[in-house]
Amino acid sequence: MAVDFKDYYAVLGVARDASQDDIKQAFRKLARKYHPDVAKDKKTAEEKFKEINEANEVLGDPAKRKKYDELGANWQQGGAAAPRSAAEAPGGGQEFHFGGSTGFSDFFEQFFGGRAGRGQAANYDDLFRRAGQQGEGGGEYRMPGADIEGDIMVTLDEALHGAERQISLQHMNPATGEPETETFTVRIPKGALEGRRIRVPHKGGRGSGGAEAGDLLLRVRLAAHPHFEVRGADLYYELEVAPWEAVLGAQVPVPTLTGTVKLRVPPGTNSDAQLRVRGQGLPTAKSGERGDFYAVVKIRVPAEAAGRERELWEELARTSAFNPRKT
């Protein structure tokens, strides 16, 4: 199957020499408009956000970005190594391609994804032991189908509440060389955190000699969010406050996955202080209990001051005994 090169820099609208901060800011700007959790027109935004998230997944990671830049140069010269199959079963030569709502393109999967064929058995000794069993009537030897691994993009809202997706898996028939597509529903459970594998039984490579098919293993990749950073089951949010709010204290509105909450900023709060809201993170797969929400304080100052505002700052500078450099 032909694979189209993805220009991730064009997707984010940044130059090829853009800094990591530039890439981060470009993603956030676009995600605030197209992210499924915040977009008003979710249907129109869904496909656009997949492209944005995929571009950020690669360019936002320095190691992946370096690989992509090297690949891009080779690609333009026609010298890029041929991408591996989306999945290849041991000894079977089968190819698999995903469609539907996995959230990642074939280009991403083949160069940056975790997709690979794998024997269904727990280990290769067991795989070949079972492969040595003859089929019914002493015919063809039994060979269990290969497991297929792929990535699936999961939004934070889906990780919080659970969801269902329609996935299409295209098998290349080795006998005819023609594609055969099967569509089925995949359930995304609550607490589907980064790296978790969702197992879909018997949707992998076909077995031979009457042996059962392998499984489909979908590795969760949490979609980047314009507001929140995920660490385990905890969520982190940059809370911007004015200098007077940090000094005097304040009640400020803060967005969470389930709505806006009022958060108390204590008097004398320093930048980078973390204000915790218990139970407002993501659920864990084992207990179902939710992690915590952390608002990380960032004190912002006005870019310029004029008129009466400047006079007040000058008066404060003359009268305040505070010296941040005094030890």
C-alpha atoms as a PDB file:
ATOM      1  CA  MET A   1       0.000   0.000   0.000  1.00  0.00           C
ATOM      2  CA  ALA A   2       1.381   3.379  -1.017  1.00  0.00           C
ATOM      3  CA  VAL A   3       2.168   5.726   1.852  1.00  0.00           C
ATOM      4  CA  ASP A   4       2.025   9.501   1.502  1.00  0.00           C
ATOM      5  CA  PHE A   5       4.690  11.608   3.171  1.00  0.00           C
ATOM      6  CA  LYS A   6       3.273  13.866   5.896  1.00  0.00           C
ATOM      7  CA  ASP A   7       4.594  17.430   6.113  1.00  0.00           C
ATOM      8  CA  TYR A   8       4.198  17.942   9.847  1.00  0.00           C
ATOM      9  CA  TYR A   9       5.736  21.418   9.753  1.00  0.00           C
ATOM     10  CA  ALA A  10       3.039  22.542   7.317  1.00  0.00           C
ATOM     11  CA  VAL A  11       0.331  20.968   9.498  1.00  0.00           C
ATOM     12  CA  LEU A  12       1.406  23.078  12.495  1.00  0.00           C
ATOM     13  CA  GLY A  13       2.241  26.100  10.347  1.00  0.00           C
ATOM     14  CA  VAL A  14       5.811  26.463  11.619  1.00  0.00           C
ATOM     15  CA  ALA A  15       9.191  26.759   9.896  1.00  0.00           C
ATOM     16  CA  ARG A  16      11.518  23.777   9.760  1.00  0.00           C
ATOM     17  CA  ASP A  17      13.946  25.569  12.106  1.00  0.00           C
ATOM     18  CA  ALA A  18      11.206  26.394  14.635  1.00  0.00           C
ATOM     19  CA  SER A  19      12.163  26.043  18.294  1.00  0.00           C
ATOM     20  CA  GLN A  20      10.473  23.504  20.561  1.00  0.00           C
ATOM     21  CA  ASP A  21       8.646  26.399  22.242  1.00  0.00           C
ATOM     22  CA  ASP A  22       7.395  27.582  18.837  1.00  0.00           C
ATOM     23  CA  ILE A  23       6.070  24.086  18.107  1.00  0.00           C
ATOM     24  CA  LYS A  24       4.409  23.871  21.507  1.00  0.00           C
ATOM     25  CA  GLN A  25       2.718  27.244  21.070  1.00  0.00           C
ATOM     26  CA  ALA A  26       1.581  26.408  17.518  1.00  0.00           C
ATOM     27  CA  PHE A  27       0.048  23.145  18.692  1.00  0.00           C
ATOM     28  CA  ARG A  28      -1.770  24.799  21.590  1.00  0.00           C
ATOM     29  CA  LYS A  29      -3.175  27.510  19.346  1.00  0.00           C
ATOM     30  CA  LEU A  30      -4.558  24.976  16.859  1.00  0.00           C
ATOM     31  CA  ALA A  31      -5.700  22.544  19.541  1.00  0.00           C
ATOM     32  CA  ARG A  32      -7.773  25.221  21.265  1.00  0.00           C
ATOM     33  CA  LYS A  33      -9.755  25.397  18.043  1.00  0.00           C
ATOM     34  CA  TYR A  34      -9.867  21.767  16.915  1.00  0.00           C
ATOM     35  CA  HIS A  35      -9.481  19.552  20.018  1.00  0.00           C
ATOM     36  CA  PRO A  36     -12.519  17.216  20.368  1.00  0.00           C
ATOM     37  CA  ASP A  37     -12.896  18.135  24.041  1.00  0.00           C
ATOM     38  CA  VAL A  38     -13.186  21.865  23.330  1.00  0.00           C
ATOM     39  CA  ALA A  39     -14.266  22.276  19.686  1.00  0.00           C
ATOM     40  CA  LYS A  40     -17.803  23.444  19.040  1.00  0.00           C
ATOM     41  CA  ASP A  41     -18.136  21.602  15.715  1.00  0.00           C
ATOM     42  CA  LYS A  42     -16.727  18.228  16.808  1.00  0.00           C
ATOM     43  CA  LYS A  43     -17.384  16.420  13.533  1.00  0.00           C
ATOM     44  CA  THR A  44     -15.493  18.907  11.399  1.00  0.00           C
ATOM     45  CA  ALA A  45     -12.707  19.270  13.953  1.00  0.00           C
ATOM     46  CA  GLU A  46     -12.018  15.553  14.494  1.00  0.00           C
ATOM     47  CA  GLU A  47     -10.004  14.865  11.335  1.00  0.00           C
ATOM     48  CA  LYS A  48      -8.110  18.150  11.599  1.00  0.00           C
ATOM     49  CA  PHE A  49      -7.142  17.433  15.185  1.00  0.00           C
ATOM     50  CA  LYS A  50      -5.828  13.978  14.264  1.00  0.00           C
ATOM     51  CA  GLU A  51      -3.358  15.659  11.907  1.00  0.00           C
ATOM     52  CA  ILE A  52      -2.413  18.272  14.510  1.00  0.00           C
ATOM     53  CA  ASN A  53      -1.915  15.696  17.261  1.00  0.00           C
ATOM     54  CA  GLU A  54       0.154  13.439  15.000  1.00  0.00           C
ATOM     55  CA  ALA A  55       2.389  16.340  13.953  1.00  0.00           C
ATOM     56  CA  ASN A  56       2.863  17.356  17.587  1.00  0.00           C
ATOM     57  CA  GLU A  57       3.586  13.747  18.577  1.00  0.00           C
ATOM     58  CA  VAL A  58       6.563  13.748  16.202  1.00  0.00           C
ATOM     59  CA  LEU A  59       7.836  17.348  16.213  1.00  0.00           C
ATOM     60  CA  GLY A  60       7.236  17.803  19.937  1.00  0.00           C
ATOM     61  CA  ASP A  61       9.630  14.930  20.705  1.00  0.00           C
ATOM     62  CA  PRO A  62      13.257  15.918  19.885  1.00  0.00           C
ATOM     63  CA  ALA A  63      14.283  12.322  19.102  1.00  0.00           C
ATOM     64  CA  LYS A  64      11.347  11.721  16.776  1.00  0.00           C
ATOM     65  CA  ARG A  65      11.811  15.124  15.201  1.00  0.00           C
ATOM     66  CA  LYS A  66      15.455  14.323  14.396  1.00  0.00           C
ATOM     67  CA  LYS A  67      14.417  11.031  12.815  1.00  0.00           C
ATOM     68  CA  TYR A  68      11.686  12.786  10.846  1.00  0.00           C
ATOM     69  CA  ASP A  69      14.054  15.478   9.567  1.00  0.00           C
ATOM     70  CA  GLU A  70      16.551  12.842   8.418  1.00  0.00           C
ATOM     71  CA  LEU A  71      13.781  10.844   6.806  1.00  0.00           C
ATOM     72  CA  GLY A  72      12.399  13.927   5.083  1.00  0.00           C
ATOM     73  CA  ALA A  73      15.714  14.713   3.430  1.00  0.00           C
ATOM     74  CA  ASN A  74      16.084  11.141   2.181  1.00  0.00           C
ATOM     75  CA  TRP A  75      12.473  11.038   1.118  1.00  0.00           C
ATOM     76  CA  GLN A  76      12.820  14.088  -1.126  1.00  0.00           C
ATOM     77  CA  GLN A  77      15.877  12.512  -2.736  1.00  0.00           C
ATOM     78  CA  GLY A  78      14.021   9.258  -3.248  1.00  0.00           C
ATOM     79  CA  GLY A  79      16.491   7.431  -1.025  1.00  0.00           C
ATOM     80  CA  ALA A  80      14.367   6.683   1.998  1.00  0.00           C
ATOM     81  CA  ALA A  81      14.299   3.075   3.049  1.00  0.00           C
ATOM     82  CA  ALA A  82      11.036   1.383   2.230  1.00  0.00           C
ATOM     83  CA  PRO A  83       8.758   1.417   5.267  1.00  0.00           C
ATOM     84  CA  ARG A  84       8.035  -1.872   6.913  1.00  0.00           C
ATOM     85  CA  SER A  85       4.582  -3.366   6.714  1.00  0.00           C
ATOM     86  CA  ALA A  86       2.114  -2.145   9.281  1.00  0.00           C
ATOM     87  CA  ALA A  87       2.272  -5.667  10.669  1.00  0.00           C
ATOM     88  CA  GLU A  88       3.919  -8.816   9.442  1.00  0.00           C
ATOM     89  CA  ALA A  89       3.152 -12.205  10.883  1.00  0.00           C
ATOM     90  CA  PRO A  90       6.091 -14.565  11.510  1.00  0.00           C
ATOM     91  CA  GLY A  91       6.471 -16.606   8.364  1.00  0.00           C
ATOM     92  CA  GLY A  92       3.136 -15.414   7.024  1.00  0.00           C
ATOM     93  CA  GLY A  93       4.050 -12.320   5.046  1.00  0.00           C
ATOM     94  CA  GLN A  94       0.664 -10.790   5.859  1.00  0.00           C
ATOM     95  CA  GLU A  95       0.178  -7.026   5.732  1.00  0.00           C
ATOM     96  CA  PHE A  96      -2.331  -5.128   7.836  1.00  0.00           C
ATOM     97  CA  HIS A  97      -3.558  -1.540   7.609  1.00  0.00           C
ATOM     98  CA  PHE A  98      -5.849   0.269  10.007  1.00  0.00           C
ATOM     99  CA  GLY A  99      -8.714   2.589   9.142  1.00  0.00           C
ATOM    100  CA  GLY A 100     -11.543   4.204  11.048  1.00  0.00           C
ATOM    101  CA  SER A 101     -10.751   6.084  14.229  1.00  0.00           C
ATOM    102  CA  THR A 102      -7.352   4.941  15.433  1.00  0.00           C
ATOM    103  CA  GLY A 103      -6.180   8.541  15.050  1.00  0.00           C
ATOM    104  CA  PHE A 104      -2.847   7.897  13.285  1.00  0.00           C
ATOM    105  CA  SER A 105      -1.911   7.721   9.619  1.00  0.00           C
ATOM    106  CA  ASP A 106      -0.097   4.822   7.944  1.00  0.00           C
ATOM    107  CA  PHE A 107       2.914   7.128   7.549  1.00  0.00           C
ATOM    108  CA  PHE A 108       3.101   7.691  11.312  1.00  0.00           C
ATOM    109  CA  GLU A 109       2.560   4.026  12.144  1.00  0.00           C
ATOM    110  CA  GLN A 110       5.214   2.768   9.781  1.00  0.00           C
ATOM    111  CA  PHE A 111       7.930   5.171  10.893  1.00  0.00           C
ATOM    112  CA  PHE A 112       7.011   6.221  14.446  1.00  0.00           C
ATOM    113  CA  GLY A 113       4.335   3.832  15.719  1.00  0.00           C
ATOM    114  CA  GLY A 114       4.548   0.629  17.716  1.00  0.00           C
ATOM    115  CA  ARG A 115       2.819  -1.585  15.204  1.00  0.00           C
ATOM    116  CA  ALA A 116       4.309  -5.037  14.640  1.00  0.00           C
ATOM    117  CA  GLY A 117       3.240  -8.599  14.096  1.00  0.00           C
ATOM    118  CA  ARG A 118       3.792 -10.998  16.972  1.00  0.00           C
ATOM    119  CA  GLY A 119       3.130 -14.676  17.582  1.00  0.00           C
ATOM    120  CA  GLN A 120       0.080 -15.285  19.729  1.00  0.00           C
ATOM    121  CA  ALA A 121       1.887 -17.699  22.018  1.00  0.00           C
ATOM    122  CA  ALA A 122       3.384 -16.404  25.241  1.00  0.00           C
ATOM    123  CA  ASN A 123       6.839 -17.222  23.901  1.00  0.00           C
ATOM    124  CA  TYR A 124       8.344 -18.611  20.727  1.00  0.00           C
ATOM    125  CA  ASP A 125       9.024 -22.061  22.199  1.00  0.00           C
ATOM    126  CA  ASP A 126       5.320 -22.382  22.912  1.00  0.00           C
ATOM    127  CA  LEU A 127       4.462 -20.925  19.501  1.00  0.00           C
ATOM    128  CA  PHE A 128       6.471 -23.549  17.635  1.00  0.00           C
ATOM    129  CA  ARG A 129       5.325 -26.325  19.946  1.00  0.00           C
ATOM    130  CA  ARG A 130       1.736 -25.515  19.034  1.00  0.00           C
ATOM    131  CA  ALA A 131       2.678 -25.025  15.401  1.00  0.00           C
ATOM    132  CA  GLY A 132       3.809 -28.637  15.338  1.00  0.00           C
ATOM    133  CA  GLN A 133       0.289 -29.888  16.065  1.00  0.00           C
ATOM    134  CA  GLN A 134      -1.397 -31.291  12.981  1.00  0.00           C
ATOM    135  CA  GLY A 135      -4.799 -30.081  11.939  1.00  0.00           C
ATOM    136  CA  GLU A 136      -7.931 -32.191  11.866  1.00  0.00           C
ATOM    137  CA  GLY A 137      -7.602 -35.428   9.923  1.00  0.00           C
ATOM    138  CA  GLY A 138      -3.804 -35.257  10.041  1.00  0.00           C
ATOM    139  CA  GLY A 139      -3.744 -32.498   7.430  1.00  0.00           C
ATOM    140  CA  GLU A 140      -2.109 -29.094   7.516  1.00  0.00           C
ATOM    141  CA  TYR A 141      -0.036 -28.254  10.590  1.00  0.00           C
ATOM    142  CA  ARG A 142      -1.716 -25.893  12.996  1.00  0.00           C
ATOM    143  CA  MET A 143      -0.216 -22.413  13.244  1.00  0.00           C
ATOM    144  CA  PRO A 144      -1.896 -19.857  15.482  1.00  0.00           C
ATOM    145  CA  GLY A 145      -2.405 -16.428  13.954  1.00  0.00           C
ATOM    146  CA  ALA A 146      -0.100 -13.550  14.799  1.00  0.00           C
ATOM    147  CA  ASP A 147      -1.091 -10.817  17.200  1.00  0.00           C
ATOM    148  CA  ILE A 148      -1.231  -7.395  15.580  1.00  0.00           C
ATOM    149  CA  GLU A 149      -0.109  -4.290  17.456  1.00  0.00           C
ATOM    150  CA  GLY A 150      -1.159  -0.749  16.635  1.00  0.00           C
ATOM    151  CA  ASP A 151      -1.666   2.650  18.216  1.00  0.00           C
ATOM    152  CA  ILE A 152      -4.952   4.295  19.084  1.00  0.00           C
ATOM    153  CA  MET A 153      -5.365   7.965  19.955  1.00  0.00           C
ATOM    154  CA  VAL A 154      -7.471   8.467  23.081  1.00  0.00           C
ATOM    155  CA  THR A 155      -8.636  11.875  24.291  1.00  0.00           C
ATOM    156  CA  LEU A 156      -8.627  12.720  27.987  1.00  0.00           C
ATOM    157  CA  ASP A 157     -12.410  12.801  27.961  1.00  0.00           C
ATOM    158  CA  GLU A 158     -12.471   9.245  26.576  1.00  0.00           C
ATOM    159  CA  ALA A 159      -9.940   8.111  29.184  1.00  0.00           C
ATOM    160  CA  LEU A 160     -12.176   9.633  31.872  1.00  0.00           C
ATOM    161  CA  HIS A 161     -15.551   8.296  30.728  1.00  0.00           C
ATOM    162  CA  GLY A 162     -14.722   5.415  28.371  1.00  0.00           C
ATOM    163  CA  ALA A 163     -15.851   5.269  24.720  1.00  0.00           C
ATOM    164  CA  GLU A 164     -16.447   3.063  21.708  1.00  0.00           C
ATOM    165  CA  ARG A 165     -14.721   3.301  18.323  1.00  0.00           C
ATOM    166  CA  GLN A 166     -15.350   1.815  14.910  1.00  0.00           C
ATOM    167  CA  ILE A 167     -12.073   0.356  13.638  1.00  0.00           C
ATOM    168  CA  SER A 168     -11.372  -1.068  10.193  1.00  0.00           C
ATOM    169  CA  LEU A 169      -8.608  -3.634   9.768  1.00  0.00           C
ATOM    170  CA  GLN A 170      -7.510  -4.415   6.227  1.00  0.00           C
ATOM    171  CA  HIS A 171      -5.891  -7.814   5.660  1.00  0.00           C
ATOM    172  CA  MET A 172      -3.941  -8.419   2.482  1.00  0.00           C
ATOM    173  CA  ASN A 173      -5.029 -11.843   1.248  1.00  0.00           C
ATOM    174  CA  PRO A 174      -1.769 -13.686   0.429  1.00  0.00           C
ATOM    175  CA  ALA A 175      -3.541 -15.970  -2.070  1.00  0.00           C
ATOM    176  CA  THR A 176      -5.176 -13.254  -4.174  1.00  0.00           C
ATOM    177  CA  GLY A 177      -3.102 -10.209  -3.255  1.00  0.00           C
ATOM    178  CA  GLU A 178      -6.368  -8.330  -2.754  1.00  0.00           C
ATOM    179  CA  PRO A 179      -7.297  -6.387   0.402  1.00  0.00           C
ATOM    180  CA  GLU A 180     -10.091  -7.636   2.640  1.00  0.00           C
ATOM    181  CA  THR A 181     -11.517  -5.181   5.170  1.00  0.00           C
ATOM    182  CA  GLU A 182     -13.264  -6.009   8.435  1.00  0.00           C
ATOM    183  CA  THR A 183     -14.931  -3.338  10.559  1.00  0.00           C
ATOM    184  CA  PHE A 184     -15.715  -3.811  14.236  1.00  0.00           C
ATOM    185  CA  THR A 185     -16.271  -1.897  17.468  1.00  0.00           C
ATOM    186  CA  VAL A 186     -13.506  -1.403  20.021  1.00  0.00           C
ATOM    187  CA  ARG A 187     -14.382  -0.421  23.574  1.00  0.00           C
ATOM    188  CA  ILE A 188     -12.046   2.069  25.221  1.00  0.00           C
ATOM    189  CA  PRO A 189     -12.353   1.476  28.979  1.00  0.00           C
ATOM    190  CA  LYS A 190     -12.259   4.118  31.674  1.00  0.00           C
ATOM    191  CA  GLY A 191      -8.716   4.618  32.878  1.00  0.00           C
ATOM    192  CA  ALA A 192      -7.134   3.940  29.480  1.00  0.00           C
ATOM    193  CA  LEU A 193      -3.882   5.723  30.284  1.00  0.00           C
ATOM    194  CA  GLU A 194      -0.766   6.186  28.162  1.00  0.00           C
ATOM    195  CA  GLY A 195       0.839   2.898  27.110  1.00  0.00           C
ATOM    196  CA  ARG A 196      -2.054   0.653  28.150  1.00  0.00           C
ATOM    197  CA  ARG A 197      -2.873  -2.096  25.652  1.00  0.00           C
ATOM    198  CA  ILE A 198      -6.460  -2.764  24.717  1.00  0.00           C
ATOM    199  CA  ARG A 199      -6.855  -6.381  23.637  1.00  0.00           C
ATOM    200  CA  VAL A 200      -9.456  -7.279  21.003  1.00  0.00           C
ATOM    201  CA  PRO A 201      -9.635 -11.090  20.878  1.00  0.00           C
ATOM    202  CA  HIS A 202      -9.366 -12.942  17.570  1.00  0.00           C
ATOM    203  CA  LYS A 203      -9.046  -9.828  15.380  1.00  0.00           C
ATOM    204  CA  GLY A 204      -5.395 -10.430  14.540  1.00  0.00           C
ATOM    205  CA  GLY A 205      -3.716 -12.537  11.871  1.00  0.00           C
ATOM    206  CA  ARG A 206      -5.491 -15.615  10.595  1.00  0.00           C
ATOM    207  CA  GLY A 207      -4.426 -19.015  11.885  1.00  0.00           C
ATOM    208  CA  SER A 208      -3.798 -21.998   9.648  1.00  0.00           C
ATOM    209  CA  GLY A 209      -4.748 -25.646   9.949  1.00  0.00           C
ATOM    210  CA  GLY A 210      -7.817 -24.756  11.990  1.00  0.00           C
ATOM    211  CA  ALA A 211      -5.842 -22.782  14.608  1.00  0.00           C
ATOM    212  CA  GLU A 212      -7.446 -19.661  16.049  1.00  0.00           C
ATOM    213  CA  ALA A 213      -6.679 -16.133  14.913  1.00  0.00           C
ATOM    214  CA  GLY A 214      -4.370 -13.880  16.853  1.00  0.00           C
ATOM    215  CA  ASP A 215      -5.472 -10.838  18.826  1.00  0.00           C
ATOM    216  CA  LEU A 216      -5.455  -7.141  18.041  1.00  0.00           C
ATOM    217  CA  LEU A 217      -3.453  -5.153  20.619  1.00  0.00           C
ATOM    218  CA  LEU A 218      -4.050  -1.412  20.536  1.00  0.00           C
ATOM    219  CA  ARG A 219      -1.562   0.697  22.474  1.00  0.00           C
ATOM    220  CA  VAL A 220      -3.095   3.830  23.972  1.00  0.00           C
ATOM    221  CA  ARG A 221      -1.525   7.158  23.100  1.00  0.00           C
ATOM    222  CA  LEU A 222      -3.215   9.996  24.947  1.00  0.00           C
ATOM    223  CA  ALA A 223      -3.953  12.942  22.689  1.00  0.00           C
ATOM    224  CA  ALA A 224      -2.136  16.081  23.749  1.00  0.00           C
ATOM    225  CA  HIS A 225      -4.486  18.628  25.308  1.00  0.00           C
ATOM    226  CA  PRO A 226      -4.243  22.407  24.914  1.00  0.00           C
ATOM    227  CA  HIS A 227      -4.664  22.961  28.664  1.00  0.00           C
ATOM    228  CA  PHE A 228      -3.508  19.895  30.567  1.00  0.00           C
ATOM    229  CA  GLU A 229      -0.326  17.841  30.843  1.00  0.00           C
ATOM    230  CA  VAL A 230      -0.732  14.217  31.918  1.00  0.00           C
ATOM    231  CA  ARG A 231       1.610  12.526  34.394  1.00  0.00           C
ATOM    232  CA  GLY A 232       0.327   9.072  35.209  1.00  0.00           C
ATOM    233  CA  ALA A 233      -3.254   9.646  36.371  1.00  0.00           C
ATOM    234  CA  ASP A 234      -2.566  13.238  37.484  1.00  0.00           C
ATOM    235  CA  LEU A 235      -3.291  16.351  35.438  1.00  0.00           C
ATOM    236  CA  TYR A 236      -1.187  19.534  35.467  1.00  0.00           C
ATOM    237  CA  TYR A 237      -2.426  22.957  34.406  1.00  0.00           C
ATOM    238  CA  GLU A 238      -0.473  26.226  34.112  1.00  0.00           C
ATOM    239  CA  LEU A 239      -2.364  28.785  36.170  1.00  0.00           C
ATOM    240  CA  GLU A 240      -1.446  32.326  35.208  1.00  0.00           C
ATOM    241  CA  VAL A 241      -1.918  34.879  37.993  1.00  0.00           C
ATOM    242  CA  ALA A 242      -1.259  38.600  38.315  1.00  0.00           C
ATOM    243  CA  PRO A 243       1.408  39.810  40.789  1.00  0.00           C
ATOM    244  CA  TRP A 244      -1.220  41.249  43.143  1.00  0.00           C
ATOM    245  CA  GLU A 245      -3.151  37.966  43.142  1.00  0.00           C
ATOM    246  CA  ALA A 246       0.017  36.134  44.182  1.00  0.00           C
ATOM    247  CA  VAL A 247       0.783  38.679  46.904  1.00  0.00           C
ATOM    248  CA  LEU A 248      -2.710  39.265  48.298  1.00  0.00           C
ATOM    249  CA  GLY A 249      -4.332  35.943  47.478  1.00  0.00           C
ATOM    250  CA  ALA A 250      -7.333  35.392  45.228  1.00  0.00           C
ATOM    251  CA  GLN A 251     -10.143  33.082  44.145  1.00  0.00           C
ATOM    252  CA  VAL A 252      -9.610  32.210  40.477  1.00  0.00           C
ATOM    253  CA  PRO A 253     -11.584  30.043  38.023  1.00  0.00           C
ATOM    254  CA  VAL A 254      -9.716  26.965  36.777  1.00  0.00           C
ATOM    255  CA  PRO A 255     -10.863  24.542  34.038  1.00  0.00           C
ATOM    256  CA  THR A 256     -10.924  20.801  34.766  1.00  0.00           C
ATOM    257  CA  LEU A 257     -12.131  17.842  32.698  1.00  0.00           C
ATOM    258  CA  THR A 258     -15.542  18.025  34.357  1.00  0.00           C
ATOM    259  CA  GLY A 259     -16.047  21.788  34.459  1.00  0.00           C
ATOM    260  CA  THR A 260     -14.696  24.962  35.982  1.00  0.00           C
ATOM    261  CA  VAL A 261     -13.816  25.096  39.682  1.00  0.00           C
ATOM    262  CA  LYS A 262     -12.886  28.047  41.917  1.00  0.00           C
ATOM    263  CA  LEU A 263      -9.388  27.666  43.294  1.00  0.00           C
ATOM    264  CA  ARG A 264      -7.949  29.607  46.210  1.00  0.00           C
ATOM    265  CA  VAL A 265      -4.528  31.140  45.634  1.00  0.00           C
ATOM    266  CA  PRO A 266      -3.093  31.745  49.140  1.00  0.00           C
ATOM    267  CA  PRO A 267      -1.435  35.093  49.931  1.00  0.00           C
ATOM    268  CA  GLY A 268       2.293  35.047  49.256  1.00  0.00           C
ATOM    269  CA  THR A 269       2.167  32.334  46.576  1.00  0.00           C
ATOM    270  CA  ASN A 270       5.361  32.010  44.545  1.00  0.00           C
ATOM    271  CA  SER A 271       5.668  31.087  40.892  1.00  0.00           C
ATOM    272  CA  ASP A 272       5.792  27.304  40.255  1.00  0.00           C
ATOM    273  CA  ALA A 273       3.841  26.581  43.424  1.00  0.00           C
ATOM    274  CA  GLN A 274       1.482  23.622  42.905  1.00  0.00           C
ATOM    275  CA  LEU A 275      -2.089  23.880  44.149  1.00  0.00           C
ATOM    276  CA  ARG A 276      -3.744  20.468  44.372  1.00  0.00           C
ATOM    277  CA  VAL A 277      -7.381  19.549  43.809  1.00  0.00           C
ATOM    278  CA  ARG A 278      -7.920  15.949  44.889  1.00  0.00           C
ATOM    279  CA  GLY A 279      -9.781  13.512  42.664  1.00  0.00           C
ATOM    280  CA  GLN A 280      -9.899  15.702  39.541  1.00  0.00           C
ATOM    281  CA  GLY A 281      -7.374  13.727  37.484  1.00  0.00           C
ATOM    282  CA  LEU A 282      -7.870  10.610  35.360  1.00  0.00           C
ATOM    283  CA  PRO A 283      -9.118   7.266  36.686  1.00  0.00           C
ATOM    284  CA  THR A 284      -6.698   4.390  37.096  1.00  0.00           C
ATOM    285  CA  ALA A 285      -7.402   1.043  35.465  1.00  0.00           C
ATOM    286  CA  LYS A 286      -6.903  -0.994  38.650  1.00  0.00           C
ATOM    287  CA  SER A 287      -8.956   0.848  41.266  1.00  0.00           C
ATOM    288  CA  GLY A 288     -10.958   3.293  39.164  1.00  0.00           C
ATOM    289  CA  GLU A 289     -10.022   6.033  41.630  1.00  0.00           C
ATOM    290  CA  ARG A 290      -9.119   9.308  40.003  1.00  0.00           C
ATOM    291  CA  GLY A 291      -5.760  10.979  40.266  1.00  0.00           C
ATOM    292  CA  ASP A 292      -5.298  14.587  41.325  1.00  0.00           C
ATOM    293  CA  PHE A 293      -5.332  17.914  39.524  1.00  0.00           C
ATOM    294  CA  TYR A 294      -2.417  20.319  40.011  1.00  0.00           C
ATOM    295  CA  ALA A 295      -2.546  23.991  39.132  1.00  0.00           C
ATOM    296  CA  VAL A 296       1.039  25.168  38.636  1.00  0.00           C
ATOM    297  CA  VAL A 297       1.233  28.890  39.389  1.00  0.00           C
ATOM    298  CA  LYS A 298       2.876  31.143  36.806  1.00  0.00           C
ATOM    299  CA  ILE A 299       3.106  34.815  37.836  1.00  0.00           C
ATOM    300  CA  ARG A 300       2.689  37.089  34.827  1.00  0.00           C
ATOM    301  CA  VAL A 301       3.493  40.783  34.638  1.00  0.00           C
ATOM    302  CA  PRO A 302       2.150  43.397  32.202  1.00  0.00           C
ATOM    303  CA  ALA A 303       4.307  43.871  29.107  1.00  0.00           C
ATOM    304  CA  GLU A 304       4.264  47.634  29.717  1.00  0.00           C
ATOM    305  CA  ALA A 305       2.780  50.127  32.122  1.00  0.00           C
ATOM    306  CA  ALA A 306       1.757  53.690  31.436  1.00  0.00           C
ATOM    307  CA  GLY A 307       0.013  56.591  33.129  1.00  0.00           C
ATOM    308  CA  ARG A 308      -1.420  56.010  36.579  1.00  0.00           C
ATOM    309  CA  GLU A 309      -0.568  52.307  36.492  1.00  0.00           C
ATOM    310  CA  ARG A 310       3.124  53.109  36.023  1.00  0.00           C
ATOM    311  CA  GLU A 311       2.978  55.661  38.857  1.00  0.00           C
ATOM    312  CA  LEU A 312       1.601  52.992  41.184  1.00  0.00           C
ATOM    313  CA  TRP A 313       4.357  50.535  40.266  1.00  0.00           C
ATOM    314  CA  GLU A 314       6.964  53.266  40.861  1.00  0.00           C
ATOM    315  CA  GLU A 315       5.426  54.080  44.216  1.00  0.00           C
ATOM    316  CA  LEU A 316       5.496  50.389  45.148  1.00  0.00           C
ATOM    317  CA  ALA A 317       9.167  50.188  44.150  1.00  0.00           C
ATOM    318  CA  ARG A 318       9.990  53.117  46.464  1.00  0.00           C
ATOM    319  CA  THR A 319       8.011  51.933  49.456  1.00  0.00           C
ATOM    320  CA  SER A 320       8.311  48.128  49.410  1.00  0.00           C
ATOM    321  CA  ALA A 321      11.023  46.516  51.529  1.00  0.00           C
ATOM    322  CA  PHE A 322      10.836  43.286  49.518  1.00  0.00           C
ATOM    323  CA  ASN A 323      14.080  42.176  47.834  1.00  0.00           C
ATOM    324  CA  PRO A 324      13.874  38.853  45.948  1.00  0.00           C
ATOM    325  CA  ARG A 325      17.673  38.627  45.748  1.00  0.00           C
ATOM    326  CA  LYS A 326      18.238  38.990  49.478  1.00  0.00           C
ATOM    327  CA  THR A 327      19.318  35.733  51.102  1.00  0.00           C
END
